[in-house]
Amino acid sequence: MNTLTDLTQRIEDSLDSIRPYLEADGGNVRIQQITEDHVVKLEFLGACGNCPMSTMTFRAGVEEAIRKAVPEIKGIEVVNLTSN
């Protein structure tokens, strides 16, 4: 079984693949928590926190990148995602 450190690093690596796109629009994302049952809680930072496109960015970019790189993750949530 993967350690939390290993999971965290693999998730960070997957986020690094999309960070340049988020940063280009003045935003970013960070891991807030990984629960024992493998749910990742993320926080959008900067412009991503209140962008009307954040939901699409999350589904098409962030969530897909994490699920592809770390298939054992059971769920992905963004704690400050607002639906505009």
Protein backbone atom coordinates (compact mmCIF):
# COMPACT_ATOMS: atom_id res chain seq x y z
CA MET A 1 0.00 0.00 0.00
CA ASN A 2 1.18 3.50 -0.79
CA THR A 3 2.26 5.77 2.00
CA LEU A 4 0.70 9.19 2.41
CA THR A 5 4.00 10.77 1.42
CA ASP A 6 4.08 8.77 -1.80
CA LEU A 7 0.47 9.66 -2.59
CA THR A 8 1.10 13.32 -1.87
CA GLN A 9 4.16 13.39 -4.12
CA ARG A 10 2.35 11.66 -6.97
CA ILE A 11 -0.57 14.07 -6.68
CA GLU A 12 1.81 17.06 -6.59
CA ASP A 13 3.55 15.70 -9.70
CA SER A 14 0.21 15.43 -11.50
CA LEU A 15 -0.70 18.98 -10.47
CA ASP A 16 2.67 20.22 -11.70
CA SER A 17 1.63 19.11 -15.19
CA ILE A 18 -1.26 21.58 -15.22
CA ARG A 19 0.08 24.35 -12.95
CA PRO A 20 1.60 26.36 -15.82
CA TYR A 21 -1.91 26.77 -17.28
CA LEU A 22 -3.37 27.84 -13.95
CA GLU A 23 -0.48 30.22 -13.27
CA ALA A 24 -0.84 31.78 -16.73
CA ASP A 25 -4.29 32.94 -15.62
CA GLY A 26 -3.11 34.11 -12.18
CA GLY A 27 -4.15 31.04 -10.22
CA ASN A 28 -2.88 27.84 -8.67
CA VAL A 29 -4.05 24.84 -6.68
CA ARG A 30 -2.80 23.23 -3.48
CA ILE A 31 -3.50 20.04 -1.59
CA GLN A 32 -5.35 20.83 1.61
CA GLN A 33 -5.85 17.25 2.82
CA ILE A 34 -5.73 13.61 1.80
CA THR A 35 -8.16 11.58 3.89
CA GLU A 36 -7.57 8.02 5.09
CA ASP A 37 -10.07 6.77 2.52
CA HIS A 38 -8.08 8.41 -0.31
CA VAL A 39 -10.17 11.51 -0.94
CA VAL A 40 -8.09 14.52 -1.98
CA LYS A 41 -9.25 17.94 -0.83
CA LEU A 42 -7.84 20.78 -2.89
CA GLU A 43 -7.95 24.56 -2.65
CA PHE A 44 -7.90 26.84 -5.67
CA LEU A 45 -5.66 29.86 -5.13
CA GLY A 46 -5.48 33.31 -6.66
CA ALA A 47 -7.69 33.94 -9.67
CA CYS A 48 -8.84 30.29 -9.68
CA GLY A 49 -10.69 30.82 -6.41
CA ASN A 50 -13.39 32.99 -7.98
CA CYS A 51 -13.13 32.35 -11.72
CA PRO A 52 -16.40 31.32 -13.40
CA MET A 53 -14.44 28.73 -15.40
CA SER A 54 -13.06 27.01 -12.26
CA THR A 55 -15.59 24.18 -12.40
CA MET A 56 -14.59 23.35 -15.98
CA THR A 57 -10.89 23.71 -15.13
CA PHE A 58 -11.34 21.35 -12.20
CA ARG A 59 -13.20 18.65 -14.17
CA ALA A 60 -11.20 18.78 -17.40
CA GLY A 61 -7.77 19.55 -16.00
CA VAL A 62 -7.15 19.02 -12.32
CA GLU A 63 -9.39 16.02 -11.71
CA GLU A 64 -8.34 14.25 -14.92
CA ALA A 65 -4.62 14.77 -14.21
CA ILE A 66 -4.91 13.36 -10.68
CA ARG A 67 -7.08 10.38 -11.67
CA LYS A 68 -4.71 9.44 -14.48
CA ALA A 69 -1.57 9.66 -12.32
CA VAL A 70 -3.01 8.31 -9.05
CA PRO A 71 -5.82 5.85 -9.88
CA GLU A 72 -6.24 4.71 -6.27
CA ILE A 73 -7.69 8.11 -5.34
CA LYS A 74 -11.39 7.57 -4.58
CA GLY A 75 -12.57 11.18 -4.75
CA ILE A 76 -11.41 14.71 -5.44
CA GLU A 77 -13.03 17.79 -3.93
CA VAL A 78 -12.25 21.48 -4.13
CA VAL A 79 -13.12 23.09 -0.81
CA ASN A 80 -13.56 26.61 -2.20
CA LEU A 81 -15.08 25.87 -5.61
CA THR A 82 -18.04 28.12 -6.31
CA SER A 83 -20.48 27.46 -9.09
CA ASN A 84 -21.03 30.73 -10.92
